[in-house]
Amino acid sequence: MHTDQKNETLTPYLTTLVECKARQLIGKAGYLSDDFEDIKQELSRDLLERLPKFDPAKASINTFADRVAGHKMKSLMRDRQAAMRDWRREAFSLNEEIETDEGETARHEFISQDEADLNTGRYDRPEVERACRQMDVAAVLDGLPPELRRVAEMLMTQSVAEVARELGIPRGTFRDRYLERLREAFGEVR
């Protein structure tokens, strides 16, 4: 990548790096899943602004980008946490009635743990959906032949390569022998 010309886009590697760094901030310092695109944009903008300072004699472009993105992440977290400690933020009781814009009084509402988990990115589906999925998976597992069930259970904690190695067969053979059958069996569970 030439740094002497203005480059408005990032390479696929740098784009992936920015996305990974943005995901790492979700759930930290008050950042929520909804903030992902904003964080990504901030990291990309900062990286594009600093690319002209890249010196290939000092490091690779990937190392440079990783350091720049890491510093920007720390900066974003520091700024967000400073805003959270701002003395001007108002403390109040959740039981206290407040006046709305329409002149009515209302109370603050609590959010459930499930809603908080979804907002912070801890889970991508509501608890009810996760429970239903677990029941569906258990039902499919119960209906599988013993050998296929054993393979499915192994795949819950191991990669395809690890399971194939443990079974003593090549990955291609493993895919042909087991994966298609498992995909078909679990096709409705999503």
C-alpha atoms as a PDB file:
ATOM      1  CA  MET A   1       0.000   0.000   0.000  1.00  0.00           C
ATOM      2  CA  HIS A   2       1.443   3.339  -0.978  1.00  0.00           C
ATOM      3  CA  THR A   3       1.075   5.949   1.703  1.00  0.00           C
ATOM      4  CA  ASP A   4       1.992   8.907  -0.497  1.00  0.00           C
ATOM      5  CA  GLN A   5      -1.346   8.769  -2.292  1.00  0.00           C
ATOM      6  CA  LYS A   6      -4.660   9.462  -0.586  1.00  0.00           C
ATOM      7  CA  ASN A   7      -6.360   6.080  -0.117  1.00  0.00           C
ATOM      8  CA  GLU A   8     -10.064   6.371   0.692  1.00  0.00           C
ATOM      9  CA  THR A   9     -10.626   2.658   1.297  1.00  0.00           C
ATOM     10  CA  LEU A  10      -9.043   0.012   3.455  1.00  0.00           C
ATOM     11  CA  THR A  11      -7.763  -3.344   2.276  1.00  0.00           C
ATOM     12  CA  PRO A  12      -9.915  -6.382   3.105  1.00  0.00           C
ATOM     13  CA  TYR A  13      -7.519  -7.299   5.924  1.00  0.00           C
ATOM     14  CA  LEU A  14      -7.709  -3.824   7.454  1.00  0.00           C
ATOM     15  CA  THR A  15     -11.506  -3.789   7.121  1.00  0.00           C
ATOM     16  CA  THR A  16     -11.684  -7.128   8.952  1.00  0.00           C
ATOM     17  CA  LEU A  17      -9.299  -5.813  11.609  1.00  0.00           C
ATOM     18  CA  VAL A  18     -11.507  -2.762  12.178  1.00  0.00           C
ATOM     19  CA  GLU A  19     -14.616  -4.956  12.451  1.00  0.00           C
ATOM     20  CA  CYS A  20     -12.926  -7.259  14.978  1.00  0.00           C
ATOM     21  CA  LYS A  21     -11.731  -4.329  17.080  1.00  0.00           C
ATOM     22  CA  ALA A  22     -15.212  -2.760  16.969  1.00  0.00           C
ATOM     23  CA  ARG A  23     -16.774  -6.050  18.161  1.00  0.00           C
ATOM     24  CA  GLN A  24     -14.309  -6.156  21.051  1.00  0.00           C
ATOM     25  CA  LEU A  25     -15.692  -2.850  22.353  1.00  0.00           C
ATOM     26  CA  ILE A  26     -19.304  -4.086  22.476  1.00  0.00           C
ATOM     27  CA  GLY A  27     -20.281  -4.657  26.097  1.00  0.00           C
ATOM     28  CA  LYS A  28     -17.407  -2.520  27.413  1.00  0.00           C
ATOM     29  CA  ALA A  29     -17.606   1.036  28.753  1.00  0.00           C
ATOM     30  CA  GLY A  30     -21.310   1.132  28.009  1.00  0.00           C
ATOM     31  CA  TYR A  31     -21.030   0.354  24.291  1.00  0.00           C
ATOM     32  CA  LEU A  32     -23.967  -1.651  22.944  1.00  0.00           C
ATOM     33  CA  SER A  33     -24.549  -3.710  19.792  1.00  0.00           C
ATOM     34  CA  ASP A  34     -26.285  -0.675  18.317  1.00  0.00           C
ATOM     35  CA  ASP A  35     -22.982   1.230  18.526  1.00  0.00           C
ATOM     36  CA  PHE A  36     -21.116  -1.256  16.288  1.00  0.00           C
ATOM     37  CA  GLU A  37     -21.383   0.724  13.035  1.00  0.00           C
ATOM     38  CA  ASP A  38     -20.415   3.998  14.768  1.00  0.00           C
ATOM     39  CA  ILE A  39     -17.383   2.386  16.412  1.00  0.00           C
ATOM     40  CA  LYS A  40     -16.355   0.822  13.098  1.00  0.00           C
ATOM     41  CA  GLN A  41     -16.624   4.195  11.375  1.00  0.00           C
ATOM     42  CA  GLU A  42     -14.553   5.919  14.089  1.00  0.00           C
ATOM     43  CA  LEU A  43     -11.820   3.272  13.883  1.00  0.00           C
ATOM     44  CA  SER A  44     -11.763   3.398  10.062  1.00  0.00           C
ATOM     45  CA  ARG A  45     -11.627   7.196   9.987  1.00  0.00           C
ATOM     46  CA  ASP A  46      -8.781   7.283  12.497  1.00  0.00           C
ATOM     47  CA  LEU A  47      -6.847   4.626  10.591  1.00  0.00           C
ATOM     48  CA  LEU A  48      -7.303   6.416   7.251  1.00  0.00           C
ATOM     49  CA  GLU A  49      -6.110   9.692   8.801  1.00  0.00           C
ATOM     50  CA  ARG A  50      -2.987   8.032  10.213  1.00  0.00           C
ATOM     51  CA  LEU A  51      -2.029   5.935   7.160  1.00  0.00           C
ATOM     52  CA  PRO A  52       0.156   8.728   5.703  1.00  0.00           C
ATOM     53  CA  LYS A  53       2.372   8.362   8.817  1.00  0.00           C
ATOM     54  CA  PHE A  54       2.978   4.650   8.099  1.00  0.00           C
ATOM     55  CA  ASP A  55       6.681   3.818   7.742  1.00  0.00           C
ATOM     56  CA  PRO A  56       7.354   0.333   6.279  1.00  0.00           C
ATOM     57  CA  ALA A  57      10.877   0.474   7.709  1.00  0.00           C
ATOM     58  CA  LYS A  58       9.451   0.379  11.244  1.00  0.00           C
ATOM     59  CA  ALA A  59       6.659  -2.215  10.954  1.00  0.00           C
ATOM     60  CA  SER A  60       4.327  -3.970   8.563  1.00  0.00           C
ATOM     61  CA  ILE A  61       1.090  -2.250   7.560  1.00  0.00           C
ATOM     62  CA  ASN A  62      -0.864  -4.867   9.536  1.00  0.00           C
ATOM     63  CA  THR A  63       1.112  -4.186  12.723  1.00  0.00           C
ATOM     64  CA  PHE A  64       0.767  -0.440  12.207  1.00  0.00           C
ATOM     65  CA  ALA A  65      -3.012  -0.750  11.704  1.00  0.00           C
ATOM     66  CA  ASP A  66      -3.379  -3.009  14.748  1.00  0.00           C
ATOM     67  CA  ARG A  67      -1.548  -0.486  16.942  1.00  0.00           C
ATOM     68  CA  VAL A  68      -3.529   2.476  15.592  1.00  0.00           C
ATOM     69  CA  ALA A  69      -6.857   0.682  16.070  1.00  0.00           C
ATOM     70  CA  GLY A  70      -5.831  -0.458  19.555  1.00  0.00           C
ATOM     71  CA  HIS A  71      -4.937   3.094  20.597  1.00  0.00           C
ATOM     72  CA  LYS A  72      -8.215   4.428  19.196  1.00  0.00           C
ATOM     73  CA  MET A  73     -10.149   1.752  21.110  1.00  0.00           C
ATOM     74  CA  LYS A  74      -8.473   2.815  24.352  1.00  0.00           C
ATOM     75  CA  SER A  75      -9.245   6.434  23.559  1.00  0.00           C
ATOM     76  CA  LEU A  76     -12.911   5.665  22.860  1.00  0.00           C
ATOM     77  CA  MET A  77     -13.227   3.682  26.102  1.00  0.00           C
ATOM     78  CA  ARG A  78     -11.484   6.394  28.115  1.00  0.00           C
ATOM     79  CA  ASP A  79     -13.766   9.082  26.675  1.00  0.00           C
ATOM     80  CA  ARG A  80     -16.897   6.984  27.243  1.00  0.00           C
ATOM     81  CA  GLN A  81     -15.936   6.182  30.831  1.00  0.00           C
ATOM     82  CA  ALA A  82     -15.139   9.831  31.517  1.00  0.00           C
ATOM     83  CA  ALA A  83     -18.615  10.746  30.263  1.00  0.00           C
ATOM     84  CA  MET A  84     -20.110   8.096  32.560  1.00  0.00           C
ATOM     85  CA  ARG A  85     -18.351   9.691  35.556  1.00  0.00           C
ATOM     86  CA  ASP A  86     -19.455  13.193  34.609  1.00  0.00           C
ATOM     87  CA  TRP A  87     -20.660  14.939  37.779  1.00  0.00           C
ATOM     88  CA  ARG A  88     -23.397  16.670  35.798  1.00  0.00           C
ATOM     89  CA  ARG A  89     -25.172  13.374  35.198  1.00  0.00           C
ATOM     90  CA  GLU A  90     -28.253  13.268  37.335  1.00  0.00           C
ATOM     91  CA  ALA A  91     -28.816  10.497  39.863  1.00  0.00           C
ATOM     92  CA  PHE A  92     -32.398   9.603  40.725  1.00  0.00           C
ATOM     93  CA  SER A  93     -34.499   6.840  42.157  1.00  0.00           C
ATOM     94  CA  LEU A  94     -36.140   4.473  39.688  1.00  0.00           C
ATOM     95  CA  ASN A  95     -39.250   4.715  41.861  1.00  0.00           C
ATOM     96  CA  GLU A  96     -39.365   8.511  41.530  1.00  0.00           C
ATOM     97  CA  GLU A  97     -42.019   9.874  39.220  1.00  0.00           C
ATOM     98  CA  ILE A  98     -40.752  12.218  36.523  1.00  0.00           C
ATOM     99  CA  GLU A  99     -42.484  14.646  34.213  1.00  0.00           C
ATOM    100  CA  THR A 100     -42.506  13.697  30.526  1.00  0.00           C
ATOM    101  CA  ASP A 101     -42.369  16.067  27.556  1.00  0.00           C
ATOM    102  CA  GLU A 102     -46.159  15.885  27.369  1.00  0.00           C
ATOM    103  CA  GLY A 103     -46.514  17.127  30.950  1.00  0.00           C
ATOM    104  CA  GLU A 104     -47.572  13.750  32.361  1.00  0.00           C
ATOM    105  CA  THR A 105     -45.842  11.931  35.197  1.00  0.00           C
ATOM    106  CA  ALA A 106     -44.305   8.503  34.745  1.00  0.00           C
ATOM    107  CA  ARG A 107     -41.839   6.153  36.393  1.00  0.00           C
ATOM    108  CA  HIS A 108     -38.681   4.762  34.898  1.00  0.00           C
ATOM    109  CA  GLU A 109     -39.102   1.190  33.752  1.00  0.00           C
ATOM    110  CA  PHE A 110     -36.734  -1.637  34.525  1.00  0.00           C
ATOM    111  CA  ILE A 111     -35.417  -3.803  31.740  1.00  0.00           C
ATOM    112  CA  SER A 112     -35.152  -7.544  32.119  1.00  0.00           C
ATOM    113  CA  GLN A 113     -31.833  -9.364  32.313  1.00  0.00           C
ATOM    114  CA  ASP A 114     -32.692 -10.948  28.964  1.00  0.00           C
ATOM    115  CA  GLU A 115     -33.131  -7.513  27.373  1.00  0.00           C
ATOM    116  CA  ALA A 116     -29.878  -6.307  28.941  1.00  0.00           C
ATOM    117  CA  ASP A 117     -28.047  -9.388  27.600  1.00  0.00           C
ATOM    118  CA  LEU A 118     -29.383  -8.712  24.097  1.00  0.00           C
ATOM    119  CA  ASN A 119     -28.493  -5.003  24.245  1.00  0.00           C
ATOM    120  CA  THR A 120     -24.933  -5.636  25.407  1.00  0.00           C
ATOM    121  CA  GLY A 121     -24.328  -8.335  22.807  1.00  0.00           C
ATOM    122  CA  ARG A 122     -23.962 -11.166  25.323  1.00  0.00           C
ATOM    123  CA  TYR A 123     -26.588 -13.139  23.393  1.00  0.00           C
ATOM    124  CA  ASP A 124     -27.978 -12.675  19.905  1.00  0.00           C
ATOM    125  CA  ARG A 125     -31.393 -14.206  20.633  1.00  0.00           C
ATOM    126  CA  PRO A 126     -33.938 -13.861  23.457  1.00  0.00           C
ATOM    127  CA  GLU A 127     -33.852 -16.441  26.251  1.00  0.00           C
ATOM    128  CA  VAL A 128     -37.080 -18.097  25.061  1.00  0.00           C
ATOM    129  CA  GLU A 129     -35.614 -18.642  21.590  1.00  0.00           C
ATOM    130  CA  ARG A 130     -32.403 -20.043  23.070  1.00  0.00           C
ATOM    131  CA  ALA A 131     -34.375 -22.469  25.238  1.00  0.00           C
ATOM    132  CA  CYS A 132     -36.499 -23.568  22.262  1.00  0.00           C
ATOM    133  CA  ARG A 133     -33.373 -24.103  20.198  1.00  0.00           C
ATOM    134  CA  GLN A 134     -31.843 -26.251  22.944  1.00  0.00           C
ATOM    135  CA  MET A 135     -34.984 -28.394  23.040  1.00  0.00           C
ATOM    136  CA  ASP A 136     -34.954 -28.701  19.237  1.00  0.00           C
ATOM    137  CA  VAL A 137     -31.290 -29.743  19.243  1.00  0.00           C
ATOM    138  CA  ALA A 138     -31.950 -32.305  21.997  1.00  0.00           C
ATOM    139  CA  ALA A 139     -34.872 -33.733  20.010  1.00  0.00           C
ATOM    140  CA  VAL A 140     -32.774 -34.038  16.837  1.00  0.00           C
ATOM    141  CA  LEU A 141     -29.919 -35.651  18.785  1.00  0.00           C
ATOM    142  CA  ASP A 142     -32.334 -38.198  20.290  1.00  0.00           C
ATOM    143  CA  GLY A 143     -33.464 -39.182  16.789  1.00  0.00           C
ATOM    144  CA  LEU A 144     -29.963 -39.742  15.379  1.00  0.00           C
ATOM    145  CA  PRO A 145     -28.289 -43.144  15.036  1.00  0.00           C
ATOM    146  CA  PRO A 146     -25.714 -43.692  17.850  1.00  0.00           C
ATOM    147  CA  GLU A 147     -22.619 -43.133  15.675  1.00  0.00           C
ATOM    148  CA  LEU A 148     -23.972 -39.916  14.136  1.00  0.00           C
ATOM    149  CA  ARG A 149     -25.150 -38.691  17.550  1.00  0.00           C
ATOM    150  CA  ARG A 150     -21.643 -39.230  18.973  1.00  0.00           C
ATOM    151  CA  VAL A 151     -20.143 -37.189  16.118  1.00  0.00           C
ATOM    152  CA  ALA A 152     -22.725 -34.406  16.607  1.00  0.00           C
ATOM    153  CA  GLU A 153     -21.941 -34.241  20.323  1.00  0.00           C
ATOM    154  CA  MET A 154     -18.213 -34.091  19.581  1.00  0.00           C
ATOM    155  CA  LEU A 155     -18.801 -31.192  17.156  1.00  0.00           C
ATOM    156  CA  MET A 156     -20.428 -29.197  19.960  1.00  0.00           C
ATOM    157  CA  THR A 157     -17.020 -28.690  21.576  1.00  0.00           C
ATOM    158  CA  GLN A 158     -14.482 -29.498  18.858  1.00  0.00           C
ATOM    159  CA  SER A 159     -13.688 -28.373  15.335  1.00  0.00           C
ATOM    160  CA  VAL A 160     -14.226 -30.542  12.258  1.00  0.00           C
ATOM    161  CA  ALA A 161     -10.464 -31.121  12.006  1.00  0.00           C
ATOM    162  CA  GLU A 162     -10.222 -32.195  15.661  1.00  0.00           C
ATOM    163  CA  VAL A 163     -13.137 -34.636  15.380  1.00  0.00           C
ATOM    164  CA  ALA A 164     -11.822 -36.108  12.115  1.00  0.00           C
ATOM    165  CA  ARG A 165      -8.386 -36.529  13.703  1.00  0.00           C
ATOM    166  CA  GLU A 166      -9.913 -38.199  16.774  1.00  0.00           C
ATOM    167  CA  LEU A 167     -11.889 -40.574  14.542  1.00  0.00           C
ATOM    168  CA  GLY A 168      -8.746 -41.269  12.509  1.00  0.00           C
ATOM    169  CA  ILE A 169     -10.172 -40.273   9.120  1.00  0.00           C
ATOM    170  CA  PRO A 170      -9.314 -37.485   6.653  1.00  0.00           C
ATOM    171  CA  ARG A 171     -11.407 -34.308   6.844  1.00  0.00           C
ATOM    172  CA  GLY A 172     -12.786 -34.854   3.343  1.00  0.00           C
ATOM    173  CA  THR A 173     -13.993 -38.325   4.267  1.00  0.00           C
ATOM    174  CA  PHE A 174     -15.414 -36.953   7.520  1.00  0.00           C
ATOM    175  CA  ARG A 175     -17.313 -34.276   5.619  1.00  0.00           C
ATOM    176  CA  ASP A 176     -18.698 -36.768   3.121  1.00  0.00           C
ATOM    177  CA  ARG A 177     -19.588 -39.378   5.720  1.00  0.00           C
ATOM    178  CA  TYR A 178     -21.022 -37.206   8.505  1.00  0.00           C
ATOM    179  CA  LEU A 179     -21.462 -33.512   7.823  1.00  0.00           C
ATOM    180  CA  GLU A 180     -24.035 -33.752   5.030  1.00  0.00           C
ATOM    181  CA  ARG A 181     -26.159 -36.116   7.120  1.00  0.00           C
ATOM    182  CA  LEU A 182     -25.888 -33.807  10.142  1.00  0.00           C
ATOM    183  CA  ARG A 183     -26.753 -30.718   8.080  1.00  0.00           C
ATOM    184  CA  GLU A 184     -29.802 -32.504   6.786  1.00  0.00           C
ATOM    185  CA  ALA A 185     -30.852 -33.638  10.285  1.00  0.00           C
ATOM    186  CA  PHE A 186     -30.330 -30.183  11.824  1.00  0.00           C
ATOM    187  CA  GLY A 187     -31.622 -28.257   8.796  1.00  0.00           C
ATOM    188  CA  GLU A 188     -34.780 -27.062  10.549  1.00  0.00           C
ATOM    189  CA  VAL A 189     -33.031 -26.013  13.790  1.00  0.00           C
ATOM    190  CA  ARG A 190     -31.904 -22.390  13.403  1.00  0.00           C
END
